[in-house]
Amino acid sequence: LCEEYLTVYGCAKEDSYINQFVDLFWSDLLEEHEAIDWSEES
């Protein structure tokens, strides 16, 4: 249901600082980042 960046609090508004920031600097990283195993052994 969130068409912009989904933060831990909720859906970023289109013109929000974080939505613009993610569009510029994370659009090519999110998919790889979301697949990270955060355990100590990884």
PDB file of all heavy atoms in Angstrom:
ATOM      1  N   LEU A   1       0.818  -1.209   0.000  1.00  0.00           N
ATOM      2  CA  LEU A   1       0.000   0.000   0.000  1.00  0.00           C
ATOM      3  C   LEU A   1       0.857   1.267   0.000  1.00  0.00           C
ATOM      4  O   LEU A   1       0.366   2.351  -0.325  1.00  0.00           O
ATOM      5  CB  LEU A   1      -0.921   0.010   1.217  1.00  0.00           C
ATOM      6  CG  LEU A   1      -2.021  -1.070   1.242  1.00  0.00           C
ATOM      7  CD1 LEU A   1      -2.779  -1.013   2.557  1.00  0.00           C
ATOM      8  CD2 LEU A   1      -2.968  -0.891   0.069  1.00  0.00           C
ATOM      9  N   CYS A   2       2.115   1.127   0.381  1.00  0.00           N
ATOM     10  CA  CYS A   2       3.021   2.278   0.391  1.00  0.00           C
ATOM     11  C   CYS A   2       3.699   2.387  -0.972  1.00  0.00           C
ATOM     12  O   CYS A   2       4.457   1.497  -1.372  1.00  0.00           O
ATOM     13  CB  CYS A   2       4.078   2.132   1.484  1.00  0.00           C
ATOM     14  SG  CYS A   2       5.262   3.494   1.532  1.00  0.00           S
ATOM     15  N   GLU A   3       3.456   3.483  -1.666  1.00  0.00           N
ATOM     16  CA  GLU A   3       4.022   3.675  -2.996  1.00  0.00           C
ATOM     17  C   GLU A   3       5.379   4.372  -2.953  1.00  0.00           C
ATOM     18  O   GLU A   3       6.049   4.489  -3.977  1.00  0.00           O
ATOM     19  CB  GLU A   3       3.053   4.480  -3.862  1.00  0.00           C
ATOM     20  CG  GLU A   3       1.719   3.764  -4.097  1.00  0.00           C
ATOM     21  CD  GLU A   3       0.779   4.569  -4.969  1.00  0.00           C
ATOM     22  OE1 GLU A   3       1.153   5.707  -5.337  1.00  0.00           O
ATOM     23  OE2 GLU A   3      -0.312   4.065  -5.279  1.00  0.00           O
ATOM     24  N   GLU A   4       5.766   4.851  -1.764  1.00  0.00           N
ATOM     25  CA  GLU A   4       7.071   5.496  -1.602  1.00  0.00           C
ATOM     26  C   GLU A   4       7.932   4.605  -0.713  1.00  0.00           C
ATOM     27  O   GLU A   4       7.641   3.424  -0.554  1.00  0.00           O
ATOM     28  CB  GLU A   4       6.892   6.902  -1.005  1.00  0.00           C
ATOM     29  CG  GLU A   4       5.856   7.762  -1.717  1.00  0.00           C
ATOM     30  CD  GLU A   4       6.178   8.011  -3.185  1.00  0.00           C
ATOM     31  OE1 GLU A   4       7.367   7.939  -3.563  1.00  0.00           O
ATOM     32  OE2 GLU A   4       5.238   8.300  -3.959  1.00  0.00           O
ATOM     33  N   TYR A   5       8.968   5.164  -0.105  1.00  0.00           N
ATOM     34  CA  TYR A   5       9.821   4.356   0.767  1.00  0.00           C
ATOM     35  C   TYR A   5       9.081   4.028   2.066  1.00  0.00           C
ATOM     36  O   TYR A   5       8.529   4.908   2.731  1.00  0.00           O
ATOM     37  CB  TYR A   5      11.123   5.093   1.081  1.00  0.00           C
ATOM     38  CG  TYR A   5      11.980   4.358   2.079  1.00  0.00           C
ATOM     39  CD1 TYR A   5      12.485   3.096   1.786  1.00  0.00           C
ATOM     40  CD2 TYR A   5      12.269   4.910   3.329  1.00  0.00           C
ATOM     41  CE1 TYR A   5      13.261   2.403   2.705  1.00  0.00           C
ATOM     42  CE2 TYR A   5      13.055   4.232   4.253  1.00  0.00           C
ATOM     43  CZ  TYR A   5      13.533   2.973   3.934  1.00  0.00           C
ATOM     44  OH  TYR A   5      14.303   2.277   4.841  1.00  0.00           O
ATOM     45  N   LEU A   6       9.083   2.757   2.439  1.00  0.00           N
ATOM     46  CA  LEU A   6       8.417   2.316   3.656  1.00  0.00           C
ATOM     47  C   LEU A   6       9.420   2.305   4.799  1.00  0.00           C
ATOM     48  O   LEU A   6      10.290   1.446   4.883  1.00  0.00           O
ATOM     49  CB  LEU A   6       7.815   0.922   3.465  1.00  0.00           C
ATOM     50  CG  LEU A   6       7.019   0.360   4.646  1.00  0.00           C
ATOM     51  CD1 LEU A   6       5.849   1.277   4.993  1.00  0.00           C
ATOM     52  CD2 LEU A   6       6.534  -1.053   4.339  1.00  0.00           C
ATOM     53  N   THR A   7       9.301   3.285   5.690  1.00  0.00           N
ATOM     54  CA  THR A   7      10.190   3.365   6.849  1.00  0.00           C
ATOM     55  C   THR A   7       9.674   2.451   7.949  1.00  0.00           C
ATOM     56  O   THR A   7       8.605   1.860   7.846  1.00  0.00           O
ATOM     57  CB  THR A   7      10.255   4.809   7.394  1.00  0.00           C
ATOM     58  OG1 THR A   7       9.033   5.101   8.089  1.00  0.00           O
ATOM     59  CG2 THR A   7      10.451   5.813   6.263  1.00  0.00           C
ATOM     60  N   VAL A   8      10.420   2.398   9.040  1.00  0.00           N
ATOM     61  CA  VAL A   8       9.977   1.588  10.177  1.00  0.00           C
ATOM     62  C   VAL A   8       8.756   2.197  10.854  1.00  0.00           C
ATOM     63  O   VAL A   8       8.059   1.519  11.600  1.00  0.00           O
ATOM     64  CB  VAL A   8      11.113   1.423  11.190  1.00  0.00           C
ATOM     65  CG1 VAL A   8      12.240   0.613  10.608  1.00  0.00           C
ATOM     66  CG2 VAL A   8      11.608   2.766  11.659  1.00  0.00           C
ATOM     67  N   TYR A   9       8.495   3.487  10.636  1.00  0.00           N
ATOM     68  CA  TYR A   9       7.338   4.130  11.244  1.00  0.00           C
ATOM     69  C   TYR A   9       6.117   4.079  10.361  1.00  0.00           C
ATOM     70  O   TYR A   9       4.991   4.169  10.839  1.00  0.00           O
ATOM     71  CB  TYR A   9       7.650   5.593  11.525  1.00  0.00           C
ATOM     72  CG  TYR A   9       8.543   5.823  12.715  1.00  0.00           C
ATOM     73  CD1 TYR A   9       9.222   7.025  12.851  1.00  0.00           C
ATOM     74  CD2 TYR A   9       8.713   4.863  13.689  1.00  0.00           C
ATOM     75  CE1 TYR A   9      10.045   7.256  13.938  1.00  0.00           C
ATOM     76  CE2 TYR A   9       9.529   5.093  14.772  1.00  0.00           C
ATOM     77  CZ  TYR A   9      10.189   6.284  14.903  1.00  0.00           C
ATOM     78  OH  TYR A   9      11.000   6.524  15.975  1.00  0.00           O
ATOM     79  N   GLY A  10       6.325   4.014   9.079  1.00  0.00           N
ATOM     80  CA  GLY A  10       5.212   4.065   8.153  1.00  0.00           C
ATOM     81  C   GLY A  10       5.696   4.494   6.778  1.00  0.00           C
ATOM     82  O   GLY A  10       6.886   4.442   6.475  1.00  0.00           O
ATOM     83  N   CYS A  11       4.780   4.937   5.958  1.00  0.00           N
ATOM     84  CA  CYS A  11       5.087   5.256   4.567  1.00  0.00           C
ATOM     85  C   CYS A  11       5.579   6.702   4.435  1.00  0.00           C
ATOM     86  O   CYS A  11       4.903   7.637   4.867  1.00  0.00           O
ATOM     87  CB  CYS A  11       3.840   5.055   3.712  1.00  0.00           C
ATOM     88  SG  CYS A  11       4.135   5.196   1.943  1.00  0.00           S
ATOM     89  N   ALA A  12       6.756   6.867   3.848  1.00  0.00           N
ATOM     90  CA  ALA A  12       7.296   8.210   3.648  1.00  0.00           C
ATOM     91  C   ALA A  12       6.427   8.985   2.664  1.00  0.00           C
ATOM     92  O   ALA A  12       5.974   8.444   1.654  1.00  0.00           O
ATOM     93  CB  ALA A  12       8.725   8.124   3.125  1.00  0.00           C
ATOM     94  N   LYS A  13       6.171  10.237   2.973  1.00  0.00           N
ATOM     95  CA  LYS A  13       5.430  11.088   2.051  1.00  0.00           C
ATOM     96  C   LYS A  13       6.314  11.426   0.850  1.00  0.00           C
ATOM     97  O   LYS A  13       7.539  11.478   0.959  1.00  0.00           O
ATOM     98  CB  LYS A  13       4.952  12.346   2.777  1.00  0.00           C
ATOM     99  CG  LYS A  13       3.976  12.019   3.910  1.00  0.00           C
ATOM    100  CD  LYS A  13       3.515  13.244   4.661  1.00  0.00           C
ATOM    101  CE  LYS A  13       2.570  12.855   5.802  1.00  0.00           C
ATOM    102  NZ  LYS A  13       2.107  14.021   6.595  1.00  0.00           N
ATOM    103  N   GLU A  14       5.678  11.666  -0.285  1.00  0.00           N
ATOM    104  CA  GLU A  14       6.421  11.776  -1.541  1.00  0.00           C
ATOM    105  C   GLU A  14       7.535  12.818  -1.485  1.00  0.00           C
ATOM    106  O   GLU A  14       8.644  12.581  -1.964  1.00  0.00           O
ATOM    107  CB  GLU A  14       5.455  12.106  -2.678  1.00  0.00           C
ATOM    108  CG  GLU A  14       6.125  12.171  -4.042  1.00  0.00           C
ATOM    109  CD  GLU A  14       5.141  12.433  -5.160  1.00  0.00           C
ATOM    110  OE1 GLU A  14       3.930  12.639  -4.867  1.00  0.00           O
ATOM    111  OE2 GLU A  14       5.558  12.443  -6.333  1.00  0.00           O
ATOM    112  N   ASP A  15       7.262  13.966  -0.897  1.00  0.00           N
ATOM    113  CA  ASP A  15       8.236  15.051  -0.869  1.00  0.00           C
ATOM    114  C   ASP A  15       9.037  15.098   0.427  1.00  0.00           C
ATOM    115  O   ASP A  15       9.736  16.088   0.688  1.00  0.00           O
ATOM    116  CB  ASP A  15       7.526  16.395  -1.069  1.00  0.00           C
ATOM    117  CG  ASP A  15       6.925  16.516  -2.463  1.00  0.00           C
ATOM    118  OD1 ASP A  15       7.473  15.901  -3.396  1.00  0.00           O
ATOM    119  OD2 ASP A  15       5.905  17.224  -2.609  1.00  0.00           O
ATOM    120  N   SER A  16       8.951  14.063   1.231  1.00  0.00           N
ATOM    121  CA  SER A  16       9.684  14.039   2.495  1.00  0.00           C
ATOM    122  C   SER A  16      11.182  13.972   2.242  1.00  0.00           C
ATOM    123  O   SER A  16      11.641  13.512   1.190  1.00  0.00           O
ATOM    124  CB  SER A  16       9.252  12.849   3.349  1.00  0.00           C
ATOM    125  OG  SER A  16       9.586  11.625   2.709  1.00  0.00           O
ATOM    126  N   TYR A  17      11.951  14.423   3.226  1.00  0.00           N
ATOM    127  CA  TYR A  17      13.409  14.368   3.103  1.00  0.00           C
ATOM    128  C   TYR A  17      13.881  12.943   2.847  1.00  0.00           C
ATOM    129  O   TYR A  17      14.698  12.685   1.956  1.00  0.00           O
ATOM    130  CB  TYR A  17      14.078  14.901   4.374  1.00  0.00           C
ATOM    131  CG  TYR A  17      13.796  16.342   4.704  1.00  0.00           C
ATOM    132  CD1 TYR A  17      13.306  16.702   5.960  1.00  0.00           C
ATOM    133  CD2 TYR A  17      14.026  17.360   3.775  1.00  0.00           C
ATOM    134  CE1 TYR A  17      13.054  18.029   6.286  1.00  0.00           C
ATOM    135  CE2 TYR A  17      13.773  18.686   4.088  1.00  0.00           C
ATOM    136  CZ  TYR A  17      13.291  19.018   5.342  1.00  0.00           C
ATOM    137  OH  TYR A  17      13.030  20.334   5.657  1.00  0.00           O
ATOM    138  N   ILE A  18      13.364  11.999   3.632  1.00  0.00           N
ATOM    139  CA  ILE A  18      13.881  10.637   3.530  1.00  0.00           C
ATOM    140  C   ILE A  18      13.476   9.974   2.214  1.00  0.00           C
ATOM    141  O   ILE A  18      14.244   9.190   1.645  1.00  0.00           O
ATOM    142  CB  ILE A  18      13.462   9.776   4.744  1.00  0.00           C
ATOM    143  CG1 ILE A  18      14.307   8.502   4.795  1.00  0.00           C
ATOM    144  CG2 ILE A  18      11.964   9.459   4.723  1.00  0.00           C
ATOM    145  CD1 ILE A  18      14.202   7.747   6.094  1.00  0.00           C
ATOM    146  N   ASN A  19      12.308  10.291   1.697  1.00  0.00           N
ATOM    147  CA  ASN A  19      11.894   9.698   0.432  1.00  0.00           C
ATOM    148  C   ASN A  19      12.792  10.185  -0.716  1.00  0.00           C
ATOM    149  O   ASN A  19      13.224   9.403  -1.567  1.00  0.00           O
ATOM    150  CB  ASN A  19      10.439  10.024   0.131  1.00  0.00           C
ATOM    151  CG  ASN A  19       9.846   9.099  -0.912  1.00  0.00           C
ATOM    152  OD1 ASN A  19       9.834   7.875  -0.741  1.00  0.00           O
ATOM    153  ND2 ASN A  19       9.373   9.655  -2.013  1.00  0.00           N
ATOM    154  N   GLN A  20      13.086  11.472  -0.714  1.00  0.00           N
ATOM    155  CA  GLN A  20      13.986  12.008  -1.732  1.00  0.00           C
ATOM    156  C   GLN A  20      15.392  11.434  -1.572  1.00  0.00           C
ATOM    157  O   GLN A  20      16.077  11.141  -2.562  1.00  0.00           O
ATOM    158  CB  GLN A  20      14.024  13.535  -1.637  1.00  0.00           C
ATOM    159  CG  GLN A  20      12.690  14.208  -1.938  1.00  0.00           C
ATOM    160  CD  GLN A  20      12.780  15.715  -1.809  1.00  0.00           C
ATOM    161  OE1 GLN A  20      13.501  16.375  -2.565  1.00  0.00           O
ATOM    162  NE2 GLN A  20      12.051  16.274  -0.851  1.00  0.00           N
ATOM    163  N   PHE A  21      15.833  11.291  -0.338  1.00  0.00           N
ATOM    164  CA  PHE A  21      17.155  10.755  -0.035  1.00  0.00           C
ATOM    165  C   PHE A  21      17.280   9.315  -0.533  1.00  0.00           C
ATOM    166  O   PHE A  21      18.271   8.944  -1.176  1.00  0.00           O
ATOM    167  CB  PHE A  21      17.373  10.826   1.481  1.00  0.00           C
ATOM    168  CG  PHE A  21      18.746  10.447   1.955  1.00  0.00           C
ATOM    169  CD1 PHE A  21      19.742  11.401   2.055  1.00  0.00           C
ATOM    170  CD2 PHE A  21      19.025   9.140   2.344  1.00  0.00           C
ATOM    171  CE1 PHE A  21      21.010  11.055   2.527  1.00  0.00           C
ATOM    172  CE2 PHE A  21      20.286   8.787   2.810  1.00  0.00           C
ATOM    173  CZ  PHE A  21      21.282   9.745   2.906  1.00  0.00           C
ATOM    174  N   VAL A  22      16.274   8.502  -0.242  1.00  0.00           N
ATOM    175  CA  VAL A  22      16.304   7.095  -0.663  1.00  0.00           C
ATOM    176  C   VAL A  22      16.267   6.987  -2.192  1.00  0.00           C
ATOM    177  O   VAL A  22      16.982   6.165  -2.784  1.00  0.00           O
ATOM    178  CB  VAL A  22      15.143   6.317  -0.024  1.00  0.00           C
ATOM    179  CG1 VAL A  22      15.003   4.927  -0.636  1.00  0.00           C
ATOM    180  CG2 VAL A  22      15.349   6.203   1.485  1.00  0.00           C
ATOM    181  N   ASP A  23      15.451   7.808  -2.837  1.00  0.00           N
ATOM    182  CA  ASP A  23      15.398   7.793  -4.298  1.00  0.00           C
ATOM    183  C   ASP A  23      16.766   8.071  -4.912  1.00  0.00           C
ATOM    184  O   ASP A  23      17.161   7.448  -5.909  1.00  0.00           O
ATOM    185  CB  ASP A  23      14.401   8.839  -4.809  1.00  0.00           C
ATOM    186  CG  ASP A  23      12.956   8.379  -4.679  1.00  0.00           C
ATOM    187  OD1 ASP A  23      12.732   7.182  -4.428  1.00  0.00           O
ATOM    188  OD2 ASP A  23      12.054   9.229  -4.829  1.00  0.00           O
ATOM    189  N   LEU A  24      17.502   8.980  -4.303  1.00  0.00           N
ATOM    190  CA  LEU A  24      18.799   9.368  -4.848  1.00  0.00           C
ATOM    191  C   LEU A  24      19.907   8.371  -4.536  1.00  0.00           C
ATOM    192  O   LEU A  24      20.765   8.106  -5.383  1.00  0.00           O
ATOM    193  CB  LEU A  24      19.201  10.745  -4.308  1.00  0.00           C
ATOM    194  CG  LEU A  24      18.486  11.963  -4.892  1.00  0.00           C
ATOM    195  CD1 LEU A  24      18.827  13.213  -4.091  1.00  0.00           C
ATOM    196  CD2 LEU A  24      18.887  12.145  -6.353  1.00  0.00           C
ATOM    197  N   PHE A  25      19.892   7.817  -3.315  1.00  0.00           N
ATOM    198  CA  PHE A  25      21.073   7.090  -2.849  1.00  0.00           C
ATOM    199  C   PHE A  25      20.862   5.611  -2.528  1.00  0.00           C
ATOM    200  O   PHE A  25      21.834   4.897  -2.291  1.00  0.00           O
ATOM    201  CB  PHE A  25      21.644   7.790  -1.603  1.00  0.00           C
ATOM    202  CG  PHE A  25      21.979   9.232  -1.826  1.00  0.00           C
ATOM    203  CD1 PHE A  25      21.283  10.239  -1.169  1.00  0.00           C
ATOM    204  CD2 PHE A  25      22.984   9.595  -2.708  1.00  0.00           C
ATOM    205  CE1 PHE A  25      21.601  11.574  -1.367  1.00  0.00           C
ATOM    206  CE2 PHE A  25      23.312  10.929  -2.915  1.00  0.00           C
ATOM    207  CZ  PHE A  25      22.617  11.918  -2.249  1.00  0.00           C
ATOM    208  N   TRP A  26      19.619   5.143  -2.516  1.00  0.00           N
ATOM    209  CA  TRP A  26      19.372   3.758  -2.124  1.00  0.00           C
ATOM    210  C   TRP A  26      18.587   2.952  -3.158  1.00  0.00           C
ATOM    211  O   TRP A  26      18.378   1.753  -2.959  1.00  0.00           O
ATOM    212  CB  TRP A  26      18.618   3.718  -0.790  1.00  0.00           C
ATOM    213  CG  TRP A  26      19.512   3.901   0.391  1.00  0.00           C
ATOM    214  CD1 TRP A  26      19.953   5.075   0.926  1.00  0.00           C
ATOM    215  CD2 TRP A  26      20.090   2.856   1.194  1.00  0.00           C
ATOM    216  NE1 TRP A  26      20.762   4.842   2.013  1.00  0.00           N
ATOM    217  CE2 TRP A  26      20.866   3.487   2.202  1.00  0.00           C
ATOM    218  CE3 TRP A  26      20.022   1.464   1.172  1.00  0.00           C
ATOM    219  CZ2 TRP A  26      21.565   2.768   3.164  1.00  0.00           C
ATOM    220  CZ3 TRP A  26      20.715   0.744   2.134  1.00  0.00           C
ATOM    221  CH2 TRP A  26      21.476   1.395   3.114  1.00  0.00           C
ATOM    222  N   SER A  27      18.171   3.554  -4.224  1.00  0.00           N
ATOM    223  CA  SER A  27      17.321   2.834  -5.183  1.00  0.00           C
ATOM    224  C   SER A  27      18.006   1.597  -5.750  1.00  0.00           C
ATOM    225  O   SER A  27      17.348   0.589  -6.040  1.00  0.00           O
ATOM    226  CB  SER A  27      16.896   3.764  -6.321  1.00  0.00           C
ATOM    227  OG  SER A  27      18.022   4.311  -6.985  1.00  0.00           O
ATOM    228  N   ASP A  28      19.336   1.624  -5.877  1.00  0.00           N
ATOM    229  CA  ASP A  28      20.073   0.480  -6.414  1.00  0.00           C
ATOM    230  C   ASP A  28      20.593  -0.451  -5.323  1.00  0.00           C
ATOM    231  O   ASP A  28      21.209  -1.476  -5.629  1.00  0.00           O
ATOM    232  CB  ASP A  28      21.258   0.960  -7.265  1.00  0.00           C
ATOM    233  CG  ASP A  28      20.819   1.736  -8.494  1.00  0.00           C
ATOM    234  OD1 ASP A  28      19.697   1.482  -8.976  1.00  0.00           O
ATOM    235  OD2 ASP A  28      21.596   2.602  -8.958  1.00  0.00           O
ATOM    236  N   LEU A  29      20.351  -0.090  -4.054  1.00  0.00           N
ATOM    237  CA  LEU A  29      20.914  -0.862  -2.942  1.00  0.00           C
ATOM    238  C   LEU A  29      19.866  -1.614  -2.132  1.00  0.00           C
ATOM    239  O   LEU A  29      20.195  -2.574  -1.433  1.00  0.00           O
ATOM    240  CB  LEU A  29      21.685   0.070  -1.990  1.00  0.00           C
ATOM    241  CG  LEU A  29      22.851   0.871  -2.565  1.00  0.00           C
ATOM    242  CD1 LEU A  29      23.466   1.736  -1.469  1.00  0.00           C
ATOM    243  CD2 LEU A  29      23.899  -0.043  -3.167  1.00  0.00           C
ATOM    244  N   LEU A  30      18.612  -1.179  -2.197  1.00  0.00           N
ATOM    245  CA  LEU A  30      17.599  -1.717  -1.292  1.00  0.00           C
ATOM    246  C   LEU A  30      17.409  -3.216  -1.418  1.00  0.00           C
ATOM    247  O   LEU A  30      17.307  -3.931  -0.417  1.00  0.00           O
ATOM    248  CB  LEU A  30      16.262  -0.997  -1.508  1.00  0.00           C
ATOM    249  CG  LEU A  30      16.133   0.393  -0.904  1.00  0.00           C
ATOM    250  CD1 LEU A  30      14.803   1.026  -1.298  1.00  0.00           C
ATOM    251  CD2 LEU A  30      16.259   0.340   0.613  1.00  0.00           C
ATOM    252  N   GLU A  31      17.344  -3.713  -2.633  1.00  0.00           N
ATOM    253  CA  GLU A  31      17.092  -5.144  -2.822  1.00  0.00           C
ATOM    254  C   GLU A  31      18.203  -5.979  -2.194  1.00  0.00           C
ATOM    255  O   GLU A  31      17.944  -6.957  -1.482  1.00  0.00           O
ATOM    256  CB  GLU A  31      16.960  -5.463  -4.307  1.00  0.00           C
ATOM    257  CG  GLU A  31      16.581  -6.920  -4.565  1.00  0.00           C
ATOM    258  CD  GLU A  31      16.321  -7.198  -6.042  1.00  0.00           C
ATOM    259  OE1 GLU A  31      16.288  -6.228  -6.838  1.00  0.00           O
ATOM    260  OE2 GLU A  31      16.147  -8.380  -6.393  1.00  0.00           O
ATOM    261  N   GLU A  32      19.445  -5.592  -2.431  1.00  0.00           N
ATOM    262  CA  GLU A  32      20.571  -6.321  -1.841  1.00  0.00           C
ATOM    263  C   GLU A  32      20.582  -6.155  -0.326  1.00  0.00           C
ATOM    264  O   GLU A  32      20.844  -7.110   0.418  1.00  0.00           O
ATOM    265  CB  GLU A  32      21.883  -5.803  -2.434  1.00  0.00           C
ATOM    266  CG  GLU A  32      23.123  -6.500  -1.881  1.00  0.00           C
ATOM    267  CD  GLU A  32      24.411  -5.930  -2.463  1.00  0.00           C
ATOM    268  OE1 GLU A  32      24.331  -4.961  -3.269  1.00  0.00           O
ATOM    269  OE2 GLU A  32      25.476  -6.443  -2.100  1.00  0.00           O
ATOM    270  N   HIS A  33      20.275  -4.952   0.148  1.00  0.00           N
ATOM    271  CA  HIS A  33      20.288  -4.683   1.584  1.00  0.00           C
ATOM    272  C   HIS A  33      19.224  -5.504   2.308  1.00  0.00           C
ATOM    273  O   HIS A  33      19.456  -6.017   3.408  1.00  0.00           O
ATOM    274  CB  HIS A  33      20.061  -3.189   1.813  1.00  0.00           C
ATOM    275  CG  HIS A  33      20.076  -2.774   3.244  1.00  0.00           C
ATOM    276  ND1 HIS A  33      18.938  -2.717   4.005  1.00  0.00           N
ATOM    277  CD2 HIS A  33      21.093  -2.402   4.061  1.00  0.00           C
ATOM    278  CE1 HIS A  33      19.239  -2.323   5.228  1.00  0.00           C
ATOM    279  NE2 HIS A  33      20.532  -2.118   5.293  1.00  0.00           N
ATOM    280  N   GLU A  34      18.047  -5.620   1.723  1.00  0.00           N
ATOM    281  CA  GLU A  34      16.957  -6.356   2.364  1.00  0.00           C
ATOM    282  C   GLU A  34      17.241  -7.845   2.490  1.00  0.00           C
ATOM    283  O   GLU A  34      16.625  -8.530   3.302  1.00  0.00           O
ATOM    284  CB  GLU A  34      15.665  -6.130   1.577  1.00  0.00           C
ATOM    285  CG  GLU A  34      15.117  -4.709   1.717  1.00  0.00           C
ATOM    286  CD  GLU A  34      13.988  -4.415   0.757  1.00  0.00           C
ATOM    287  OE1 GLU A  34      13.665  -5.311  -0.065  1.00  0.00           O
ATOM    288  OE2 GLU A  34      13.426  -3.303   0.808  1.00  0.00           O
ATOM    289  N   ALA A  35      18.185  -8.359   1.709  1.00  0.00           N
ATOM    290  CA  ALA A  35      18.519  -9.787   1.739  1.00  0.00           C
ATOM    291  C   ALA A  35      19.619 -10.113   2.748  1.00  0.00           C
ATOM    292  O   ALA A  35      19.988 -11.275   2.910  1.00  0.00           O
ATOM    293  CB  ALA A  35      18.943 -10.244   0.343  1.00  0.00           C
ATOM    294  N   ILE A  36      20.128  -9.111   3.469  1.00  0.00           N
ATOM    295  CA  ILE A  36      21.243  -9.327   4.390  1.00  0.00           C
ATOM    296  C   ILE A  36      20.811 -10.169   5.593  1.00  0.00           C
ATOM    297  O   ILE A  36      19.761  -9.943   6.185  1.00  0.00           O
ATOM    298  CB  ILE A  36      21.815  -7.984   4.881  1.00  0.00           C
ATOM    299  CG1 ILE A  36      22.521  -7.267   3.730  1.00  0.00           C
ATOM    300  CG2 ILE A  36      22.782  -8.180   6.045  1.00  0.00           C
ATOM    301  CD1 ILE A  36      23.008  -5.879   4.079  1.00  0.00           C
ATOM    302  N   ASP A  37      21.628 -11.147   5.928  1.00  0.00           N
ATOM    303  CA  ASP A  37      21.485 -11.910   7.163  1.00  0.00           C
ATOM    304  C   ASP A  37      22.270 -11.154   8.237  1.00  0.00           C
ATOM    305  O   ASP A  37      23.499 -11.045   8.150  1.00  0.00           O
ATOM    306  CB  ASP A  37      22.044 -13.321   6.972  1.00  0.00           C
ATOM    307  CG  ASP A  37      22.063 -14.138   8.259  1.00  0.00           C
ATOM    308  OD1 ASP A  37      21.613 -13.622   9.313  1.00  0.00           O
ATOM    309  OD2 ASP A  37      22.542 -15.292   8.214  1.00  0.00           O
ATOM    310  N   TRP A  38      21.575 -10.624   9.266  1.00  0.00           N
ATOM    311  CA  TRP A  38      22.209  -9.756  10.247  1.00  0.00           C
ATOM    312  C   TRP A  38      22.764 -10.513  11.454  1.00  0.00           C
ATOM    313  O   TRP A  38      23.200  -9.894  12.431  1.00  0.00           O
ATOM    314  CB  TRP A  38      21.219  -8.695  10.723  1.00  0.00           C
ATOM    315  CG  TRP A  38      20.866  -7.720   9.643  1.00  0.00           C
ATOM    316  CD1 TRP A  38      19.778  -7.757   8.816  1.00  0.00           C
ATOM    317  CD2 TRP A  38      21.618  -6.574   9.241  1.00  0.00           C
ATOM    318  NE1 TRP A  38      19.802  -6.710   7.935  1.00  0.00           N
ATOM    319  CE2 TRP A  38      20.922  -5.952   8.171  1.00  0.00           C
ATOM    320  CE3 TRP A  38      22.817  -6.004   9.679  1.00  0.00           C
ATOM    321  CZ2 TRP A  38      21.385  -4.802   7.542  1.00  0.00           C
ATOM    322  CZ3 TRP A  38      23.272  -4.848   9.052  1.00  0.00           C
ATOM    323  CH2 TRP A  38      22.561  -4.263   8.001  1.00  0.00           C
ATOM    324  N   SER A  39      22.781 -11.830  11.412  1.00  0.00           N
ATOM    325  CA  SER A  39      23.299 -12.598  12.546  1.00  0.00           C
ATOM    326  C   SER A  39      24.806 -12.394  12.685  1.00  0.00           C
ATOM    327  O   SER A  39      25.502 -12.019  11.731  1.00  0.00           O
ATOM    328  CB  SER A  39      22.988 -14.078  12.376  1.00  0.00           C
ATOM    329  OG  SER A  39      23.681 -14.612  11.260  1.00  0.00           O
ATOM    330  N   GLU A  40      25.311 -12.654  13.878  1.00  0.00           N
ATOM    331  CA  GLU A  40      26.730 -12.428  14.168  1.00  0.00           C
ATOM    332  C   GLU A  40      27.635 -13.293  13.299  1.00  0.00           C
ATOM    333  O   GLU A  40      28.761 -12.909  12.971  1.00  0.00           O
ATOM    334  CB  GLU A  40      27.006 -12.700  15.645  1.00  0.00           C
ATOM    335  CG  GLU A  40      28.393 -12.320  16.098  1.00  0.00           C
ATOM    336  CD  GLU A  40      28.566 -12.402  17.598  1.00  0.00           C
ATOM    337  OE1 GLU A  40      27.657 -12.926  18.281  1.00  0.00           O
ATOM    338  OE2 GLU A  40      29.596 -11.928  18.105  1.00  0.00           O
ATOM    339  N   GLU A  41      27.156 -14.463  12.922  1.00  0.00           N
ATOM    340  CA  GLU A  41      27.978 -15.393  12.147  1.00  0.00           C
ATOM    341  C   GLU A  41      28.052 -15.026  10.667  1.00  0.00           C
ATOM    342  O   GLU A  41      28.925 -15.512   9.938  1.00  0.00           O
ATOM    343  CB  GLU A  41      27.417 -16.816  12.267  1.00  0.00           C
ATOM    344  CG  GLU A  41      27.403 -17.373  13.684  1.00  0.00           C
ATOM    345  CD  GLU A  41      26.257 -16.810  14.527  1.00  0.00           C
ATOM    346  OE1 GLU A  41      25.289 -16.286  13.918  1.00  0.00           O
ATOM    347  OE2 GLU A  41      26.352 -16.858  15.770  1.00  0.00           O
ATOM    348  N   SER A  42      27.157 -14.169  10.225  1.00  0.00           N
ATOM    349  CA  SER A  42      27.073 -13.859   8.801  1.00  0.00           C
ATOM    350  C   SER A  42      28.054 -12.763   8.392  1.00  0.00           C
ATOM    351  O   SER A  42      28.316 -11.827   9.148  1.00  0.00           O
ATOM    352  CB  SER A  42      25.647 -13.413   8.459  1.00  0.00           C
ATOM    353  OG  SER A  42      25.576 -12.955   7.132  1.00  0.00           O
TER     354      SER A  42
END
